[in-house]
Amino acid sequence: MASSVLKNLIRFSLSSTTATATATTTRNFSLVAPQIGNHTAKWMQDTSKKSPMELINEVPPIKVEGRIVACEGDNNPALGHPIEYICLDLAEPAVCKYCGLRYVQDHHH
């Protein structure tokens, strides 16, 4: 299917003499932006639910004994993200770039 879409796009871009093909292509692509904008606006207006960033910020930093932590986002690899190794040498919590979980080195002296 992807190859037929690509072939159609190439055919439309090469046929500059046909105004209707160019107009059809432009019309199809221009319909996407308003749909995304309306969906995002509708989601942002619902203040009864917390945003994903607000939810992840409610999770306290995870204490780790070592200097390096391997974050996978979830215990189940199918639900997680690519493994991210995070160095915990700094005083402030280190944040995973994929899921936003925070990690801090546990200094129990």
PDB file of N, CA and C in Angstrom:
ATOM      1  N   MET A   1       0.820  -1.190   0.000  1.00  0.00           N
ATOM      2  CA  MET A   1       0.000   0.000   0.000  1.00  0.00           C
ATOM      3  C   MET A   1       0.862   1.251   0.000  1.00  0.00           C
ATOM      4  N   ALA A   2       1.932   1.240   0.790  1.00  0.00           N
ATOM      5  CA  ALA A   2       2.787   2.417   0.857  1.00  0.00           C
ATOM      6  C   ALA A   2       3.417   2.707  -0.495  1.00  0.00           C
ATOM      7  N   SER A   3       3.754   1.658  -1.241  1.00  0.00           N
ATOM      8  CA  SER A   3       4.373   1.896  -2.538  1.00  0.00           C
ATOM      9  C   SER A   3       3.387   2.520  -3.524  1.00  0.00           C
ATOM     10  N   SER A   4       2.102   2.136  -3.449  1.00  0.00           N
ATOM     11  CA  SER A   4       1.126   2.751  -4.351  1.00  0.00           C
ATOM     12  C   SER A   4       0.881   4.215  -3.999  1.00  0.00           C
ATOM     13  N   VAL A   5       0.900   4.525  -2.720  1.00  0.00           N
ATOM     14  CA  VAL A   5       0.753   5.933  -2.305  1.00  0.00           C
ATOM     15  C   VAL A   5       1.938   6.739  -2.791  1.00  0.00           C
ATOM     16  N   LEU A   6       3.136   6.168  -2.634  1.00  0.00           N
ATOM     17  CA  LEU A   6       4.342   6.863  -3.091  1.00  0.00           C
ATOM     18  C   LEU A   6       4.311   7.067  -4.597  1.00  0.00           C
ATOM     19  N   LYS A   7       3.883   6.048  -5.343  1.00  0.00           N
ATOM     20  CA  LYS A   7       3.796   6.181  -6.792  1.00  0.00           C
ATOM     21  C   LYS A   7       2.814   7.277  -7.184  1.00  0.00           C
ATOM     22  N   ASN A   8       1.671   7.350  -6.476  1.00  0.00           N
ATOM     23  CA  ASN A   8       0.684   8.393  -6.777  1.00  0.00           C
ATOM     24  C   ASN A   8       1.237   9.776  -6.484  1.00  0.00           C
ATOM     25  N   LEU A   9       1.947   9.921  -5.367  1.00  0.00           N
ATOM     26  CA  LEU A   9       2.529  11.222  -5.035  1.00  0.00           C
ATOM     27  C   LEU A   9       3.557  11.640  -6.073  1.00  0.00           C
ATOM     28  N   ILE A  10       4.385  10.697  -6.510  1.00  0.00           N
ATOM     29  CA  ILE A  10       5.389  11.016  -7.531  1.00  0.00           C
ATOM     30  C   ILE A  10       4.698  11.384  -8.837  1.00  0.00           C
ATOM     31  N   ARG A  11       3.665  10.626  -9.218  1.00  0.00           N
ATOM     32  CA  ARG A  11       2.961  10.911 -10.460  1.00  0.00           C
ATOM     33  C   ARG A  11       2.328  12.298 -10.406  1.00  0.00           C
ATOM     34  N   PHE A  12       1.713  12.654  -9.260  1.00  0.00           N
ATOM     35  CA  PHE A  12       1.088  13.968  -9.140  1.00  0.00           C
ATOM     36  C   PHE A  12       2.119  15.084  -9.163  1.00  0.00           C
ATOM     37  N   SER A  13       3.258  14.870  -8.529  1.00  0.00           N
ATOM     38  CA  SER A  13       4.256  15.934  -8.509  1.00  0.00           C
ATOM     39  C   SER A  13       4.920  16.114  -9.862  1.00  0.00           C
ATOM     40  N   LEU A  14       5.027  15.041 -10.654  1.00  0.00           N
ATOM     41  CA  LEU A  14       5.650  15.147 -11.969  1.00  0.00           C
ATOM     42  C   LEU A  14       4.703  15.736 -13.011  1.00  0.00           C
ATOM     43  N   SER A  15       3.410  15.570 -12.810  1.00  0.00           N
ATOM     44  CA  SER A  15       2.467  16.079 -13.811  1.00  0.00           C
ATOM     45  C   SER A  15       2.041  17.493 -13.448  1.00  0.00           C
ATOM     46  N   SER A  16       2.930  18.427 -13.709  1.00  0.00           N
ATOM     47  CA  SER A  16       2.632  19.819 -13.382  1.00  0.00           C
ATOM     48  C   SER A  16       1.654  20.442 -14.367  1.00  0.00           C
ATOM     49  N   THR A  17       1.446  19.792 -15.509  1.00  0.00           N
ATOM     50  CA  THR A  17       0.530  20.351 -16.494  1.00  0.00           C
ATOM     51  C   THR A  17      -0.924  20.133 -16.102  1.00  0.00           C
ATOM     52  N   THR A  18      -1.199  19.153 -15.242  1.00  0.00           N
ATOM     53  CA  THR A  18      -2.584  18.874 -14.842  1.00  0.00           C
ATOM     54  C   THR A  18      -2.880  19.630 -13.558  1.00  0.00           C
ATOM     55  N   ALA A  19      -3.637  20.652 -13.651  1.00  0.00           N
ATOM     56  CA  ALA A  19      -3.967  21.473 -12.485  1.00  0.00           C
ATOM     57  C   ALA A  19      -4.879  20.730 -11.520  1.00  0.00           C
ATOM     58  N   THR A  20      -5.737  19.862 -12.048  1.00  0.00           N
ATOM     59  CA  THR A  20      -6.674  19.163 -11.170  1.00  0.00           C
ATOM     60  C   THR A  20      -5.950  18.175 -10.269  1.00  0.00           C
ATOM     61  N   ALA A  21      -4.917  17.524 -10.774  1.00  0.00           N
ATOM     62  CA  ALA A  21      -4.165  16.573  -9.944  1.00  0.00           C
ATOM     63  C   ALA A  21      -3.471  17.313  -8.814  1.00  0.00           C
ATOM     64  N   THR A  22      -2.890  18.476  -9.098  1.00  0.00           N
ATOM     65  CA  THR A  22      -2.224  19.250  -8.064  1.00  0.00           C
ATOM     66  C   THR A  22      -3.228  19.765  -7.047  1.00  0.00           C
ATOM     67  N   ALA A  23      -4.370  20.218  -7.506  1.00  0.00           N
ATOM     68  CA  ALA A  23      -5.390  20.719  -6.584  1.00  0.00           C
ATOM     69  C   ALA A  23      -5.916  19.605  -5.696  1.00  0.00           C
ATOM     70  N   THR A  24      -6.125  18.414  -6.254  1.00  0.00           N
ATOM     71  CA  THR A  24      -6.599  17.285  -5.464  1.00  0.00           C
ATOM     72  C   THR A  24      -5.588  16.914  -4.396  1.00  0.00           C
ATOM     73  N   THR A  25      -4.306  16.876  -4.762  1.00  0.00           N
ATOM     74  CA  THR A  25      -3.269  16.542  -3.799  1.00  0.00           C
ATOM     75  C   THR A  25      -3.219  17.581  -2.691  1.00  0.00           C
ATOM     76  N   THR A  26      -3.270  18.846  -3.045  1.00  0.00           N
ATOM     77  CA  THR A  26      -3.232  19.903  -2.048  1.00  0.00           C
ATOM     78  C   THR A  26      -4.442  19.835  -1.124  1.00  0.00           C
ATOM     79  N   ARG A  27      -5.598  19.581  -1.680  1.00  0.00           N
ATOM     80  CA  ARG A  27      -6.812  19.515  -0.876  1.00  0.00           C
ATOM     81  C   ARG A  27      -6.735  18.379   0.138  1.00  0.00           C
ATOM     82  N   ASN A  28      -6.227  17.212  -0.281  1.00  0.00           N
ATOM     83  CA  ASN A  28      -6.127  16.084   0.634  1.00  0.00           C
ATOM     84  C   ASN A  28      -5.177  16.374   1.790  1.00  0.00           C
ATOM     85  N   PHE A  29      -4.046  17.010   1.504  1.00  0.00           N
ATOM     86  CA  PHE A  29      -3.102  17.302   2.572  1.00  0.00           C
ATOM     87  C   PHE A  29      -3.585  18.432   3.467  1.00  0.00           C
ATOM     88  N   SER A  30      -4.351  19.362   2.923  1.00  0.00           N
ATOM     89  CA  SER A  30      -4.798  20.494   3.735  1.00  0.00           C
ATOM     90  C   SER A  30      -5.904  20.102   4.701  1.00  0.00           C
ATOM     91  N   LEU A  31      -6.555  18.969   4.496  1.00  0.00           N
ATOM     92  CA  LEU A  31      -7.599  18.535   5.424  1.00  0.00           C
ATOM     93  C   LEU A  31      -7.027  18.007   6.732  1.00  0.00           C
ATOM     94  N   VAL A  32      -5.776  17.619   6.754  1.00  0.00           N
ATOM     95  CA  VAL A  32      -5.188  17.014   7.937  1.00  0.00           C
ATOM     96  C   VAL A  32      -4.960  18.042   9.044  1.00  0.00           C
ATOM     97  N   ALA A  33      -4.435  19.204   8.727  1.00  0.00           N
ATOM     98  CA  ALA A  33      -4.081  20.205   9.729  1.00  0.00           C
ATOM     99  C   ALA A  33      -5.270  20.653  10.589  1.00  0.00           C
ATOM    100  N   PRO A  34      -6.434  20.988  10.017  1.00  0.00           N
ATOM    101  CA  PRO A  34      -7.557  21.385  10.868  1.00  0.00           C
ATOM    102  C   PRO A  34      -8.026  20.264  11.790  1.00  0.00           C
ATOM    103  N   GLN A  35      -7.967  19.022  11.324  1.00  0.00           N
ATOM    104  CA  GLN A  35      -8.393  17.915  12.166  1.00  0.00           C
ATOM    105  C   GLN A  35      -7.478  17.781  13.373  1.00  0.00           C
ATOM    106  N   ILE A  36      -6.182  17.911  13.173  1.00  0.00           N
ATOM    107  CA  ILE A  36      -5.241  17.834  14.292  1.00  0.00           C
ATOM    108  C   ILE A  36      -5.453  19.009  15.223  1.00  0.00           C
ATOM    109  N   GLY A  37      -5.617  20.201  14.686  1.00  0.00           N
ATOM    110  CA  GLY A  37      -5.822  21.383  15.511  1.00  0.00           C
ATOM    111  C   GLY A  37      -7.089  21.293  16.347  1.00  0.00           C
ATOM    112  N   ASN A  38      -8.190  20.822  15.743  1.00  0.00           N
ATOM    113  CA  ASN A  38      -9.442  20.689  16.481  1.00  0.00           C
ATOM    114  C   ASN A  38      -9.333  19.637  17.570  1.00  0.00           C
ATOM    115  N   HIS A  39      -8.675  18.529  17.288  1.00  0.00           N
ATOM    116  CA  HIS A  39      -8.509  17.467  18.279  1.00  0.00           C
ATOM    117  C   HIS A  39      -7.694  17.970  19.466  1.00  0.00           C
ATOM    118  N   THR A  40      -6.586  18.654  19.186  1.00  0.00           N
ATOM    119  CA  THR A  40      -5.734  19.160  20.255  1.00  0.00           C
ATOM    120  C   THR A  40      -6.459  20.209  21.077  1.00  0.00           C
ATOM    121  N   ALA A  41      -7.172  21.110  20.438  1.00  0.00           N
ATOM    122  CA  ALA A  41      -7.906  22.150  21.158  1.00  0.00           C
ATOM    123  C   ALA A  41      -8.975  21.529  22.055  1.00  0.00           C
ATOM    124  N   LYS A  42      -9.666  20.527  21.550  1.00  0.00           N
ATOM    125  CA  LYS A  42     -10.705  19.860  22.339  1.00  0.00           C
ATOM    126  C   LYS A  42     -10.092  19.187  23.569  1.00  0.00           C
ATOM    127  N   TRP A  43      -8.915  18.560  23.390  1.00  0.00           N
ATOM    128  CA  TRP A  43      -8.256  17.878  24.499  1.00  0.00           C
ATOM    129  C   TRP A  43      -7.764  18.876  25.538  1.00  0.00           C
ATOM    130  N   MET A  44      -7.249  20.024  25.097  1.00  0.00           N
ATOM    131  CA  MET A  44      -6.713  21.025  26.016  1.00  0.00           C
ATOM    132  C   MET A  44      -7.817  21.734  26.797  1.00  0.00           C
ATOM    133  N   GLN A  45      -9.047  21.781  26.292  1.00  0.00           N
ATOM    134  CA  GLN A  45     -10.134  22.457  26.986  1.00  0.00           C
ATOM    135  C   GLN A  45     -10.680  21.639  28.146  1.00  0.00           C
ATOM    136  N   ASP A  46     -10.464  20.342  28.151  1.00  0.00           N
ATOM    137  CA  ASP A  46     -10.977  19.479  29.210  1.00  0.00           C
ATOM    138  C   ASP A  46     -10.062  19.590  30.427  1.00  0.00           C
ATOM    139  N   THR A  47     -10.415  20.477  31.364  1.00  0.00           N
ATOM    140  CA  THR A  47      -9.582  20.692  32.544  1.00  0.00           C
ATOM    141  C   THR A  47      -9.913  19.732  33.673  1.00  0.00           C
ATOM    142  N   SER A  48     -10.896  18.849  33.480  1.00  0.00           N
ATOM    143  CA  SER A  48     -11.226  17.891  34.527  1.00  0.00           C
ATOM    144  C   SER A  48     -10.193  16.766  34.603  1.00  0.00           C
ATOM    145  N   LYS A  49      -9.452  16.547  33.525  1.00  0.00           N
ATOM    146  CA  LYS A  49      -8.423  15.510  33.497  1.00  0.00           C
ATOM    147  C   LYS A  49      -7.038  16.148  33.516  1.00  0.00           C
ATOM    148  N   LYS A  50      -6.101  15.446  34.153  1.00  0.00           N
ATOM    149  CA  LYS A  50      -4.732  15.939  34.200  1.00  0.00           C
ATOM    150  C   LYS A  50      -4.009  15.574  32.913  1.00  0.00           C
ATOM    151  N   SER A  51      -3.077  16.424  32.538  1.00  0.00           N
ATOM    152  CA  SER A  51      -2.276  16.160  31.354  1.00  0.00           C
ATOM    153  C   SER A  51      -1.276  15.041  31.667  1.00  0.00           C
ATOM    154  N   PRO A  52      -0.720  14.399  30.655  1.00  0.00           N
ATOM    155  CA  PRO A  52       0.291  13.365  30.901  1.00  0.00           C
ATOM    156  C   PRO A  52       1.488  13.878  31.695  1.00  0.00           C
ATOM    157  N   MET A  53       1.898  15.101  31.450  1.00  0.00           N
ATOM    158  CA  MET A  53       3.038  15.653  32.194  1.00  0.00           C
ATOM    159  C   MET A  53       2.688  15.858  33.663  1.00  0.00           C
ATOM    160  N   GLU A  54       1.476  16.285  33.947  1.00  0.00           N
ATOM    161  CA  GLU A  54       1.062  16.437  35.342  1.00  0.00           C
ATOM    162  C   GLU A  54       1.022  15.089  36.048  1.00  0.00           C
ATOM    163  N   LEU A  55       0.553  14.070  35.357  1.00  0.00           N
ATOM    164  CA  LEU A  55       0.494  12.737  35.956  1.00  0.00           C
ATOM    165  C   LEU A  55       1.891  12.182  36.241  1.00  0.00           C
ATOM    166  N   ILE A  56       2.828  12.338  35.324  1.00  0.00           N
ATOM    167  CA  ILE A  56       4.176  11.803  35.529  1.00  0.00           C
ATOM    168  C   ILE A  56       4.914  12.591  36.603  1.00  0.00           C
ATOM    169  N   ASN A  57       4.608  13.879  36.756  1.00  0.00           N
ATOM    170  CA  ASN A  57       5.256  14.681  37.801  1.00  0.00           C
ATOM    171  C   ASN A  57       4.771  14.310  39.200  1.00  0.00           C
ATOM    172  N   GLU A  58       3.622  13.646  39.306  1.00  0.00           N
ATOM    173  CA  GLU A  58       3.131  13.201  40.602  1.00  0.00           C
ATOM    174  C   GLU A  58       3.892  11.984  41.125  1.00  0.00           C
ATOM    175  N   VAL A  59       4.567  11.262  40.234  1.00  0.00           N
ATOM    176  CA  VAL A  59       5.353  10.094  40.649  1.00  0.00           C
ATOM    177  C   VAL A  59       6.620  10.603  41.327  1.00  0.00           C
ATOM    178  N   PRO A  60       6.879  10.187  42.585  1.00  0.00           N
ATOM    179  CA  PRO A  60       8.095  10.664  43.264  1.00  0.00           C
ATOM    180  C   PRO A  60       9.337  10.085  42.600  1.00  0.00           C
ATOM    181  N   PRO A  61      10.496  10.770  42.734  1.00  0.00           N
ATOM    182  CA  PRO A  61      11.729  10.224  42.155  1.00  0.00           C
ATOM    183  C   PRO A  61      12.021   8.829  42.713  1.00  0.00           C
ATOM    184  N   ILE A  62      12.475   7.958  41.852  1.00  0.00           N
ATOM    185  CA  ILE A  62      12.777   6.581  42.229  1.00  0.00           C
ATOM    186  C   ILE A  62      14.204   6.529  42.750  1.00  0.00           C
ATOM    187  N   LYS A  63      14.388   5.988  43.966  1.00  0.00           N
ATOM    188  CA  LYS A  63      15.722   5.902  44.572  1.00  0.00           C
ATOM    189  C   LYS A  63      16.437   4.660  44.063  1.00  0.00           C
ATOM    190  N   VAL A  64      17.696   4.864  43.654  1.00  0.00           N
ATOM    191  CA  VAL A  64      18.518   3.799  43.088  1.00  0.00           C
ATOM    192  C   VAL A  64      19.838   3.764  43.848  1.00  0.00           C
ATOM    193  N   GLU A  65      20.355   2.553  44.131  1.00  0.00           N
ATOM    194  CA  GLU A  65      21.593   2.435  44.898  1.00  0.00           C
ATOM    195  C   GLU A  65      22.835   2.761  44.076  1.00  0.00           C
ATOM    196  N   GLY A  66      22.888   2.402  42.827  1.00  0.00           N
ATOM    197  CA  GLY A  66      24.081   2.603  42.003  1.00  0.00           C
ATOM    198  C   GLY A  66      24.146   3.973  41.366  1.00  0.00           C
ATOM    199  N   ARG A  67      25.169   4.143  40.493  1.00  0.00           N
ATOM    200  CA  ARG A  67      25.356   5.412  39.795  1.00  0.00           C
ATOM    201  C   ARG A  67      24.625   5.449  38.467  1.00  0.00           C
ATOM    202  N   ILE A  68      24.279   4.280  37.915  1.00  0.00           N
ATOM    203  CA  ILE A  68      23.636   4.188  36.606  1.00  0.00           C
ATOM    204  C   ILE A  68      22.319   3.435  36.768  1.00  0.00           C
ATOM    205  N   VAL A  69      21.282   3.910  36.101  1.00  0.00           N
ATOM    206  CA  VAL A  69      19.997   3.228  36.096  1.00  0.00           C
ATOM    207  C   VAL A  69      19.614   2.953  34.648  1.00  0.00           C
ATOM    208  N   ALA A  70      18.969   1.816  34.430  1.00  0.00           N
ATOM    209  CA  ALA A  70      18.468   1.453  33.101  1.00  0.00           C
ATOM    210  C   ALA A  70      16.949   1.577  33.138  1.00  0.00           C
ATOM    211  N   CYS A  71      16.398   2.568  32.455  1.00  0.00           N
ATOM    212  CA  CYS A  71      14.954   2.795  32.438  1.00  0.00           C
ATOM    213  C   CYS A  71      14.365   2.175  31.179  1.00  0.00           C
ATOM    214  N   GLU A  72      13.304   1.386  31.354  1.00  0.00           N
ATOM    215  CA  GLU A  72      12.592   0.795  30.224  1.00  0.00           C
ATOM    216  C   GLU A  72      11.145   1.263  30.178  1.00  0.00           C
ATOM    217  N   GLY A  73      10.737   2.109  31.106  1.00  0.00           N
ATOM    218  CA  GLY A  73       9.391   2.663  31.104  1.00  0.00           C
ATOM    219  C   GLY A  73       8.350   1.795  31.767  1.00  0.00           C
ATOM    220  N   ASP A  74       8.515   0.467  31.713  1.00  0.00           N
ATOM    221  CA  ASP A  74       7.540  -0.442  32.306  1.00  0.00           C
ATOM    222  C   ASP A  74       8.230  -1.782  32.524  1.00  0.00           C
ATOM    223  N   ASN A  75       7.707  -2.575  33.437  1.00  0.00           N
ATOM    224  CA  ASN A  75       8.267  -3.907  33.661  1.00  0.00           C
ATOM    225  C   ASN A  75       8.035  -4.821  32.469  1.00  0.00           C
ATOM    226  N   ASN A  76       6.960  -4.581  31.742  1.00  0.00           N
ATOM    227  CA  ASN A  76       6.642  -5.362  30.551  1.00  0.00           C
ATOM    228  C   ASN A  76       7.287  -4.675  29.344  1.00  0.00           C
ATOM    229  N   PRO A  77       8.250  -5.335  28.665  1.00  0.00           N
ATOM    230  CA  PRO A  77       8.920  -4.684  27.532  1.00  0.00           C
ATOM    231  C   PRO A  77       7.965  -4.256  26.410  1.00  0.00           C
ATOM    232  N   ALA A  78       6.834  -4.939  26.276  1.00  0.00           N
ATOM    233  CA  ALA A  78       5.886  -4.568  25.223  1.00  0.00           C
ATOM    234  C   ALA A  78       5.214  -3.233  25.510  1.00  0.00           C
ATOM    235  N   LEU A  79       5.167  -2.831  26.758  1.00  0.00           N
ATOM    236  CA  LEU A  79       4.513  -1.574  27.119  1.00  0.00           C
ATOM    237  C   LEU A  79       5.501  -0.436  27.364  1.00  0.00           C
ATOM    238  N   GLY A  80       6.777  -0.733  27.368  1.00  0.00           N
ATOM    239  CA  GLY A  80       7.782   0.267  27.698  1.00  0.00           C
ATOM    240  C   GLY A  80       8.304   1.016  26.493  1.00  0.00           C
ATOM    241  N   HIS A  81       9.561   1.436  26.608  1.00  0.00           N
ATOM    242  CA  HIS A  81      10.235   2.179  25.542  1.00  0.00           C
ATOM    243  C   HIS A  81      11.644   1.610  25.399  1.00  0.00           C
ATOM    244  N   PRO A  82      12.424   2.080  24.418  1.00  0.00           N
ATOM    245  CA  PRO A  82      13.811   1.595  24.298  1.00  0.00           C
ATOM    246  C   PRO A  82      14.581   1.856  25.592  1.00  0.00           C
ATOM    247  N   ILE A  83      15.485   0.953  25.916  1.00  0.00           N
ATOM    248  CA  ILE A  83      16.227   1.086  27.173  1.00  0.00           C
ATOM    249  C   ILE A  83      17.081   2.350  27.150  1.00  0.00           C
ATOM    250  N   GLU A  84      17.054   3.068  28.242  1.00  0.00           N
ATOM    251  CA  GLU A  84      17.781   4.330  28.385  1.00  0.00           C
ATOM    252  C   GLU A  84      18.641   4.218  29.632  1.00  0.00           C
ATOM    253  N   TYR A  85      19.962   4.334  29.470  1.00  0.00           N
ATOM    254  CA  TYR A  85      20.875   4.304  30.607  1.00  0.00           C
ATOM    255  C   TYR A  85      21.079   5.730  31.082  1.00  0.00           C
ATOM    256  N   ILE A  86      20.847   5.951  32.380  1.00  0.00           N
ATOM    257  CA  ILE A  86      20.877   7.307  32.932  1.00  0.00           C
ATOM    258  C   ILE A  86      21.918   7.364  34.047  1.00  0.00           C
ATOM    259  N   CYS A  87      22.799   8.350  33.970  1.00  0.00           N
ATOM    260  CA  CYS A  87      23.831   8.553  34.988  1.00  0.00           C
ATOM    261  C   CYS A  87      23.261   9.423  36.109  1.00  0.00           C
ATOM    262  N   LEU A  88      23.505   9.023  37.347  1.00  0.00           N
ATOM    263  CA  LEU A  88      22.928   9.720  38.506  1.00  0.00           C
ATOM    264  C   LEU A  88      23.978  10.475  39.307  1.00  0.00           C
ATOM    265  N   ASP A  89      24.997  11.010  38.680  1.00  0.00           N
ATOM    266  CA  ASP A  89      26.076  11.703  39.394  1.00  0.00           C
ATOM    267  C   ASP A  89      25.663  13.076  39.912  1.00  0.00           C
ATOM    268  N   LEU A  90      24.667  13.696  39.331  1.00  0.00           N
ATOM    269  CA  LEU A  90      24.258  15.033  39.752  1.00  0.00           C
ATOM    270  C   LEU A  90      23.379  14.969  40.999  1.00  0.00           C
ATOM    271  N   ALA A  91      23.266  16.075  41.692  1.00  0.00           N
ATOM    272  CA  ALA A  91      22.476  16.122  42.934  1.00  0.00           C
ATOM    273  C   ALA A  91      20.973  16.083  42.653  1.00  0.00           C
ATOM    274  N   GLU A  92      20.533  16.736  41.585  1.00  0.00           N
ATOM    275  CA  GLU A  92      19.102  16.758  41.273  1.00  0.00           C
ATOM    276  C   GLU A  92      18.704  15.466  40.563  1.00  0.00           C
ATOM    277  N   PRO A  93      17.428  15.121  40.605  1.00  0.00           N
ATOM    278  CA  PRO A  93      16.974  13.882  39.949  1.00  0.00           C
ATOM    279  C   PRO A  93      17.223  13.919  38.439  1.00  0.00           C
ATOM    280  N   ALA A  94      17.630  12.772  37.891  1.00  0.00           N
ATOM    281  CA  ALA A  94      17.822  12.626  36.445  1.00  0.00           C
ATOM    282  C   ALA A  94      16.508  12.153  35.836  1.00  0.00           C
ATOM    283  N   VAL A  95      16.178  12.678  34.670  1.00  0.00           N
ATOM    284  CA  VAL A  95      14.886  12.409  34.031  1.00  0.00           C
ATOM    285  C   VAL A  95      15.102  11.555  32.791  1.00  0.00           C
ATOM    286  N   CYS A  96      14.268  10.520  32.632  1.00  0.00           N
ATOM    287  CA  CYS A  96      14.295   9.697  31.429  1.00  0.00           C
ATOM    288  C   CYS A  96      13.706  10.498  30.271  1.00  0.00           C
ATOM    289  N   LYS A  97      14.396  10.516  29.146  1.00  0.00           N
ATOM    290  CA  LYS A  97      13.937  11.318  28.011  1.00  0.00           C
ATOM    291  C   LYS A  97      12.728  10.722  27.313  1.00  0.00           C
ATOM    292  N   TYR A  98      12.428   9.446  27.549  1.00  0.00           N
ATOM    293  CA  TYR A  98      11.280   8.822  26.911  1.00  0.00           C
ATOM    294  C   TYR A  98      10.000   8.948  27.736  1.00  0.00           C
ATOM    295  N   CYS A  99      10.067   8.587  29.008  1.00  0.00           N
ATOM    296  CA  CYS A  99       8.835   8.510  29.795  1.00  0.00           C
ATOM    297  C   CYS A  99       8.726   9.587  30.870  1.00  0.00           C
ATOM    298  N   GLY A 100       9.797  10.292  31.173  1.00  0.00           N
ATOM    299  CA  GLY A 100       9.732  11.360  32.157  1.00  0.00           C
ATOM    300  C   GLY A 100       9.913  10.908  33.597  1.00  0.00           C
ATOM    301  N   LEU A 101      10.114   9.604  33.835  1.00  0.00           N
ATOM    302  CA  LEU A 101      10.360   9.146  35.203  1.00  0.00           C
ATOM    303  C   LEU A 101      11.656   9.762  35.709  1.00  0.00           C
ATOM    304  N   ARG A 102      11.670  10.079  37.010  1.00  0.00           N
ATOM    305  CA  ARG A 102      12.848  10.704  37.612  1.00  0.00           C
ATOM    306  C   ARG A 102      13.544   9.694  38.511  1.00  0.00           C
ATOM    307  N   TYR A 103      14.863   9.729  38.500  1.00  0.00           N
ATOM    308  CA  TYR A 103      15.668   8.830  39.308  1.00  0.00           C
ATOM    309  C   TYR A 103      16.663   9.651  40.117  1.00  0.00           C
ATOM    310  N   VAL A 104      16.951   9.178  41.349  1.00  0.00           N
ATOM    311  CA  VAL A 104      17.913   9.836  42.202  1.00  0.00           C
ATOM    312  C   VAL A 104      18.737   8.755  42.899  1.00  0.00           C
ATOM    313  N   GLN A 105      20.024   9.059  43.134  1.00  0.00           N
ATOM    314  CA  GLN A 105      20.898   8.107  43.795  1.00  0.00           C
ATOM    315  C   GLN A 105      20.576   8.092  45.284  1.00  0.00           C
ATOM    316  N   ASP A 106      20.387   6.889  45.835  1.00  0.00           N
ATOM    317  CA  ASP A 106      20.055   6.725  47.250  1.00  0.00           C
ATOM    318  C   ASP A 106      21.339   6.661  48.057  1.00  0.00           C
ATOM    319  N   HIS A 107      21.616   7.736  48.807  1.00  0.00           N
ATOM    320  CA  HIS A 107      22.818   7.795  49.650  1.00  0.00           C
ATOM    321  C   HIS A 107      22.429   7.420  51.071  1.00  0.00           C
ATOM    322  N   HIS A 108      22.494   6.146  51.405  1.00  0.00           N
ATOM    323  CA  HIS A 108      22.189   5.728  52.779  1.00  0.00           C
ATOM    324  C   HIS A 108      23.501   5.428  53.476  1.00  0.00           C
ATOM    325  N   HIS A 109      23.956   6.381  54.275  1.00  0.00           N
ATOM    326  CA  HIS A 109      25.253   6.281  54.948  1.00  0.00           C
ATOM    327  C   HIS A 109      25.073   5.656  56.302  1.00  0.00           C
TER     328      HIS A 109
END
